[in-house]
């Protein structure tokens, strides 16, 4: 059944797409990758670290704490936001089918402060984890901001307060907190024959007197992220994915590599960036620590300091 949404430069009346870009890889490509994959084995899961107390935000500014994968806890004095929350052991449709967690959450669910808002970038299982969302719905009843098409899925998880946004649309969530959905180069699918029935994106968040860019999941294209920076402003802090990028022939259209992530940092004009989407679930062929090594090399090649774009340990925080 067609969505009752107006056609646009990224919606044809039935499905969403990236304007001017190739479509996502199909089943034949997926099978080819799986048959030829030479994935580097990851180490056994480390023991859960002894976690330090959460860094408290000051009167102005925002504190970002990396939980794992694309889950960041963003805290100001006025509000607490959570991006793409996943606390589950498996990213997949059922507990016995999917990618198993390689590192425990850097902040446990029970240690997570009351969440006022959830930012959901798209419907893939490692970003849209319904068990985690159900727990948040029961405990906190948060406001959820998501791209077009996600309302039925999220309502089914018990979430009541849902705002769907199209690219470049903004919503004033609370005093001093405004969120804008921005484009990303990605795709959506949770089941066969349901490709791109929901939109995807990243978010620009104005909170605590700061501008924070959460890139979601995205490939890289020249000029794409520069437009986001021009239209929304240069972020004080950017949260950018650096993992799940090998092999490039298969992953390039949907996942940037660390060198491209550094370009995003520069293109969008970020004052400081933090890495995400690495070291949590093995979703591609590169080794566990390879994204961090490649990020360090890319920063050096670009003449940037390590402090400009950090890969935090799970549970670690940075303030902006």
Protein backbone atom coordinates (compact mmCIF):
# COMPACT_ATOMS: atom_id res chain seq x y z
CA UNK A 1 0.00 0.00 0.00
CA UNK A 2 1.36 3.42 -0.94
CA UNK A 3 2.18 5.88 1.80
CA UNK A 4 -0.03 8.93 2.02
CA UNK A 5 2.91 11.26 1.63
CA UNK A 6 3.61 13.78 -1.11
CA UNK A 7 6.20 12.86 -3.70
CA UNK A 8 9.54 14.61 -3.32
CA UNK A 9 13.11 14.48 -4.58
CA UNK A 10 13.62 11.46 -2.26
CA UNK A 11 10.17 9.79 -2.23
CA UNK A 12 8.47 8.34 -5.33
CA UNK A 13 5.08 7.73 -3.72
CA UNK A 14 6.00 4.23 -2.50
CA UNK A 15 9.61 4.17 -1.37
CA UNK A 16 12.38 6.55 -0.33
CA UNK A 17 15.70 6.91 -2.14
CA UNK A 18 18.92 8.91 -2.16
CA UNK A 19 18.65 11.54 -4.93
CA UNK A 20 21.28 11.03 -7.60
CA UNK A 21 22.83 8.03 -5.85
CA UNK A 22 22.82 4.31 -6.61
CA UNK A 23 20.29 2.13 -4.82
CA UNK A 24 21.29 -0.12 -1.95
CA UNK A 25 22.96 -3.44 -2.67
CA UNK A 26 20.53 -6.24 -3.51
CA UNK A 27 20.27 -9.86 -2.42
CA UNK A 28 22.66 -11.04 -5.13
CA UNK A 29 25.35 -8.65 -3.86
CA UNK A 30 24.72 -9.75 -0.28
CA UNK A 31 25.18 -13.41 -1.23
CA UNK A 32 28.35 -12.57 -3.17
CA UNK A 33 29.78 -10.77 -0.12
CA UNK A 34 28.92 -13.62 2.24
CA UNK A 35 30.47 -16.20 -0.11
CA UNK A 36 33.68 -14.20 -0.60
CA UNK A 37 33.95 -12.59 2.86
CA UNK A 38 37.34 -12.73 4.54
CA UNK A 39 36.34 -11.22 7.84
CA UNK A 40 39.11 -10.62 10.37
CA UNK A 41 38.22 -12.51 13.59
CA UNK A 42 37.41 -10.25 16.51
CA UNK A 43 38.77 -10.93 20.01
CA UNK A 44 36.65 -12.60 22.63
CA UNK A 45 34.33 -10.25 24.47
CA UNK A 46 36.19 -8.40 27.25
CA UNK A 47 34.91 -8.39 30.79
CA UNK A 48 32.63 -5.50 31.65
CA UNK A 49 34.79 -2.58 32.79
CA UNK A 50 34.31 -0.91 36.11
CA UNK A 51 32.44 2.17 35.00
CA UNK A 52 33.08 5.63 36.37
CA UNK A 53 30.19 7.89 37.42
CA UNK A 54 28.66 9.83 34.54
CA UNK A 55 30.18 13.23 33.84
CA UNK A 56 27.74 15.93 34.87
CA UNK A 57 26.89 18.73 32.42
CA UNK A 58 27.64 22.29 33.45
CA UNK A 59 25.16 25.20 33.43
CA UNK A 60 25.95 25.65 29.72
CA UNK A 61 27.10 23.00 27.30
CA UNK A 62 26.44 19.34 26.65
CA UNK A 63 28.09 16.08 27.73
CA UNK A 64 28.20 13.14 25.30
CA UNK A 65 28.76 9.63 26.71
CA UNK A 66 29.33 6.72 24.32
CA UNK A 67 27.28 3.69 25.30
CA UNK A 68 28.31 1.64 22.23
CA UNK A 69 27.53 1.30 18.51
CA UNK A 70 25.58 4.49 17.64
CA UNK A 71 24.13 4.96 21.13
CA UNK A 72 25.18 8.22 22.77
CA UNK A 73 23.79 9.71 25.94
CA UNK A 74 23.57 13.49 25.45
CA UNK A 75 22.98 15.48 28.63
CA UNK A 76 22.40 19.14 29.33
CA UNK A 77 21.09 20.71 32.51
CA UNK A 78 17.64 20.88 30.87
CA UNK A 79 17.30 17.56 29.03
CA UNK A 80 18.68 14.06 28.44
CA UNK A 81 18.70 12.60 24.92
CA UNK A 82 19.60 9.11 23.71
CA UNK A 83 20.58 8.32 20.12
CA UNK A 84 19.75 4.98 18.43
CA UNK A 85 19.49 3.11 21.75
CA UNK A 86 20.61 -0.52 21.83
CA UNK A 87 21.35 -2.23 25.14
CA UNK A 88 20.52 -5.74 23.87
CA UNK A 89 23.01 -8.58 23.49
CA UNK A 90 22.03 -9.23 19.86
CA UNK A 91 21.26 -6.89 16.98
CA UNK A 92 18.73 -8.85 14.97
CA UNK A 93 15.09 -9.85 14.55
CA UNK A 94 15.21 -12.50 17.32
CA UNK A 95 17.73 -13.20 20.14
CA UNK A 96 19.19 -16.23 18.34
CA UNK A 97 19.58 -14.63 14.89
CA UNK A 98 21.77 -11.58 14.49
CA UNK A 99 25.09 -10.09 15.43
CA UNK A 100 26.12 -10.71 19.04
CA UNK A 101 27.50 -7.85 21.08
CA UNK A 102 31.31 -7.80 21.22
CA UNK A 103 31.56 -5.24 24.03
CA UNK A 104 29.14 -4.60 26.91
CA UNK A 105 27.27 -1.29 27.03
CA UNK A 106 29.43 1.49 28.43
CA UNK A 107 26.41 2.60 30.48
CA UNK A 108 23.93 -0.06 31.61
CA UNK A 109 20.25 0.52 31.06
CA UNK A 110 19.63 0.78 34.81
CA UNK A 111 22.42 3.37 35.17
CA UNK A 112 20.99 5.50 32.35
CA UNK A 113 19.32 8.64 33.69
CA UNK A 114 15.71 9.34 32.82
CA UNK A 115 15.57 9.89 29.05
CA UNK A 116 13.50 12.83 27.81
CA UNK A 117 14.07 12.33 24.08
CA UNK A 118 15.18 9.53 21.75
CA UNK A 119 16.67 10.31 18.34
CA UNK A 120 16.21 7.39 15.94
CA UNK A 121 18.11 7.54 12.64
CA UNK A 122 16.66 4.53 10.77
CA UNK A 123 15.15 1.08 11.13
CA UNK A 124 18.18 -1.29 10.96
CA UNK A 125 18.40 -3.66 13.91
CA UNK A 126 21.64 -2.23 15.34
CA UNK A 127 20.04 1.23 15.45
CA UNK A 128 16.33 0.55 16.04
CA UNK A 129 16.33 -2.08 18.81
CA UNK A 130 12.72 -2.71 19.82
CA UNK A 131 13.55 -4.45 23.15
CA UNK A 132 15.52 -1.39 24.28
CA UNK A 133 12.79 0.95 23.04
CA UNK A 134 10.13 -1.05 24.92
CA UNK A 135 12.13 -0.70 28.14
CA UNK A 136 12.45 3.04 27.59
CA UNK A 137 8.73 3.34 26.81
CA UNK A 138 7.79 1.59 30.06
CA UNK A 139 10.28 3.44 32.24
CA UNK A 140 10.47 6.95 30.81
CA UNK A 141 7.77 7.47 28.14
CA UNK A 142 10.24 9.58 26.09
CA UNK A 143 9.50 11.75 23.11
CA UNK A 144 10.86 9.99 20.01
CA UNK A 145 11.99 11.83 16.89
CA UNK A 146 12.34 9.64 13.80
CA UNK A 147 12.29 9.95 10.01
CA UNK A 148 9.06 9.52 8.04
CA UNK A 149 7.41 6.11 8.10
CA UNK A 150 8.55 4.91 11.55
CA UNK A 151 5.39 5.63 13.56
CA UNK A 152 3.71 2.19 13.18
CA UNK A 153 6.92 0.36 14.11
CA UNK A 154 7.55 2.56 17.15
CA UNK A 155 3.93 2.56 18.31
CA UNK A 156 4.09 -1.23 18.31
CA UNK A 157 6.96 -0.99 20.81
CA UNK A 158 4.72 0.95 23.21
CA UNK A 159 6.05 4.42 22.47
CA UNK A 160 3.29 7.03 22.60
CA UNK A 161 4.95 10.36 21.82
CA UNK A 162 6.37 10.14 18.30
CA UNK A 163 7.34 12.96 15.96
CA UNK A 164 8.11 11.99 12.35
CA UNK A 165 10.27 14.38 10.34
CA UNK A 166 11.25 14.74 6.72
CA UNK A 167 14.74 15.89 5.74
CA UNK A 168 15.38 19.49 6.84
CA UNK A 169 12.29 19.63 9.06
CA UNK A 170 12.78 20.86 12.63
CA UNK A 171 10.91 20.35 15.89
CA UNK A 172 11.14 22.38 19.09
CA UNK A 173 11.17 19.56 21.65
CA UNK A 174 11.47 21.55 24.86
CA UNK A 175 12.65 24.99 25.97
CA UNK A 176 16.13 25.40 24.53
CA UNK A 177 16.07 22.10 22.60
CA UNK A 178 15.46 22.04 18.83
CA UNK A 179 16.09 19.04 16.56
CA UNK A 180 16.42 19.02 12.76
CA UNK A 181 16.42 15.86 10.65
CA UNK A 182 19.17 16.08 8.02
CA UNK A 183 19.89 13.77 5.06
CA UNK A 184 22.15 10.72 5.17
CA UNK A 185 23.27 8.36 2.40
CA UNK A 186 21.77 5.10 3.56
CA UNK A 187 18.71 2.83 3.23
CA UNK A 188 16.12 0.97 5.34
CA UNK A 189 14.84 -2.59 5.63
CA UNK A 190 13.80 -4.84 8.52
CA UNK A 191 12.19 -7.66 6.52
CA UNK A 192 12.17 -8.96 2.94
CA UNK A 193 10.19 -6.95 0.38
CA UNK A 194 10.08 -3.89 2.62
CA UNK A 195 13.12 -1.98 1.38
CA UNK A 196 13.06 1.79 1.91
CA UNK A 197 9.46 2.02 3.09
CA UNK A 198 10.84 4.25 5.86
CA UNK A 199 13.15 7.25 5.57
CA UNK A 200 16.61 7.52 7.19
CA UNK A 201 18.72 10.47 8.29
CA UNK A 202 20.92 12.19 10.85
CA UNK A 203 20.09 14.93 13.33
CA UNK A 204 21.27 18.41 14.20
CA UNK A 205 20.50 19.10 17.85
CA UNK A 206 20.57 22.55 19.40
CA UNK A 207 20.66 22.07 23.18
CA UNK A 208 22.55 23.45 26.13
CA UNK A 209 23.62 26.40 23.99
CA UNK A 210 25.53 24.00 21.71
CA UNK A 211 24.98 22.48 18.26
CA UNK A 212 25.50 18.70 18.04
CA UNK A 213 25.48 16.71 14.80
CA UNK A 214 24.52 13.02 15.00
CA UNK A 215 25.30 11.62 11.54
CA UNK A 216 23.35 8.36 11.92
CA UNK A 217 24.54 5.77 9.37
CA UNK A 218 25.82 7.10 6.06
CA UNK A 219 28.07 6.69 3.09
CA UNK A 220 30.17 9.60 1.88
CA UNK A 221 29.72 11.91 -1.10
CA UNK A 222 31.62 15.09 -1.89
CA UNK A 223 29.58 18.20 -1.13
CA UNK A 224 26.87 16.28 0.74
CA UNK A 225 27.97 17.12 4.29
CA UNK A 226 29.11 20.61 3.39
CA UNK A 227 25.49 21.44 2.61
CA UNK A 228 24.42 20.19 6.04
CA UNK A 229 26.97 22.47 7.68
CA UNK A 230 25.93 25.45 5.55
CA UNK A 231 22.21 25.00 6.21
CA UNK A 232 22.37 24.14 9.91
CA UNK A 233 25.61 25.73 11.08
CA UNK A 234 28.98 24.33 12.10
CA UNK A 235 28.46 21.90 15.01
CA UNK A 236 30.33 22.24 18.28
CA UNK A 237 30.35 18.43 18.42
CA UNK A 238 29.82 15.82 15.69
CA UNK A 239 29.11 12.11 16.26
CA UNK A 240 30.38 10.30 13.16
CA UNK A 241 30.48 6.57 12.24
CA UNK A 242 33.87 5.00 11.47
CA UNK A 243 33.16 1.23 11.29
CA UNK A 244 31.50 -1.55 9.22
CA UNK A 245 33.16 -0.43 5.97
CA UNK A 246 34.88 -3.49 4.44
CA UNK A 247 34.73 -4.66 1.70
CA UNK A 248 34.41 -1.28 0.04
CA UNK A 249 32.69 -2.59 -3.12
CA UNK A 250 29.76 -3.67 -0.95
CA UNK A 251 29.78 -1.19 1.95
CA UNK A 252 30.81 2.10 0.30
CA UNK A 253 27.31 3.27 -0.63
CA UNK A 254 25.99 2.97 2.93
CA UNK A 255 28.98 3.11 5.34
CA UNK A 256 31.86 5.58 5.30
CA UNK A 257 35.38 4.47 6.21
CA UNK A 258 37.57 6.37 8.72
CA UNK A 259 39.25 8.51 6.05
CA UNK A 260 35.81 9.55 4.78
CA UNK A 261 34.68 10.18 8.37
CA UNK A 262 37.54 12.69 8.71
CA UNK A 263 36.30 14.37 5.52
CA UNK A 264 32.82 14.60 7.08
CA UNK A 265 34.36 16.26 10.14
CA UNK A 266 36.00 18.83 7.89
CA UNK A 267 33.11 19.23 5.43
CA UNK A 268 30.50 19.89 8.11
CA UNK A 269 32.85 22.27 9.94
CA UNK A 270 32.81 20.43 13.28
CA UNK A 271 34.88 21.90 16.10
CA UNK A 272 35.31 18.42 17.56
CA UNK A 273 34.11 14.93 16.60
CA UNK A 274 33.57 11.61 18.38
CA UNK A 275 33.62 8.21 16.67
CA UNK A 276 30.75 5.72 16.78
CA UNK A 277 29.51 2.60 14.98
CA UNK A 278 32.62 0.52 15.67
CA UNK A 279 33.79 -2.16 18.10
CA UNK A 280 30.31 -3.19 19.27
CA UNK A 281 28.79 -5.53 16.65
CA UNK A 282 30.84 -7.23 13.92
CA UNK A 283 28.85 -6.20 10.86
CA UNK A 284 31.63 -6.17 8.22
CA UNK A 285 35.03 -7.62 7.41
CA UNK A 286 37.52 -5.23 9.06
CA UNK A 287 39.24 -6.13 12.34
CA UNK A 288 38.13 -4.94 15.78
CA UNK A 289 40.75 -2.19 16.20
CA UNK A 290 41.25 -1.37 12.52
CA UNK A 291 38.78 1.58 12.46
CA UNK A 292 40.66 3.34 15.26
CA UNK A 293 44.07 2.75 13.63
CA UNK A 294 42.71 3.99 10.30
CA UNK A 295 41.18 7.04 11.99
CA UNK A 296 44.53 7.94 13.55
CA UNK A 297 46.24 7.64 10.15
CA UNK A 298 43.56 9.75 8.45
CA UNK A 299 43.83 12.48 11.09
CA UNK A 300 47.61 12.58 10.65
CA UNK A 301 47.25 12.77 6.87
CA UNK A 302 44.80 15.66 7.22
CA UNK A 303 47.05 17.56 9.62
CA UNK A 304 44.58 17.22 12.48
CA UNK A 305 45.30 16.47 16.13
CA UNK A 306 44.04 13.35 17.89
CA UNK A 307 41.90 15.59 20.11
CA UNK A 308 40.00 16.86 17.06
CA UNK A 309 38.33 13.49 16.43
CA UNK A 310 38.35 10.98 19.30
CA UNK A 311 37.40 7.32 19.57
CA UNK A 312 36.15 7.06 23.14
CA UNK A 313 36.05 3.86 25.15
CA UNK A 314 32.52 2.68 25.99
CA UNK A 315 31.29 4.65 28.97
CA UNK A 316 33.70 7.55 28.43
CA UNK A 317 32.44 11.11 28.05
CA UNK A 318 33.37 14.35 26.32
CA UNK A 319 31.98 17.82 26.95
CA UNK A 320 31.24 20.54 24.44
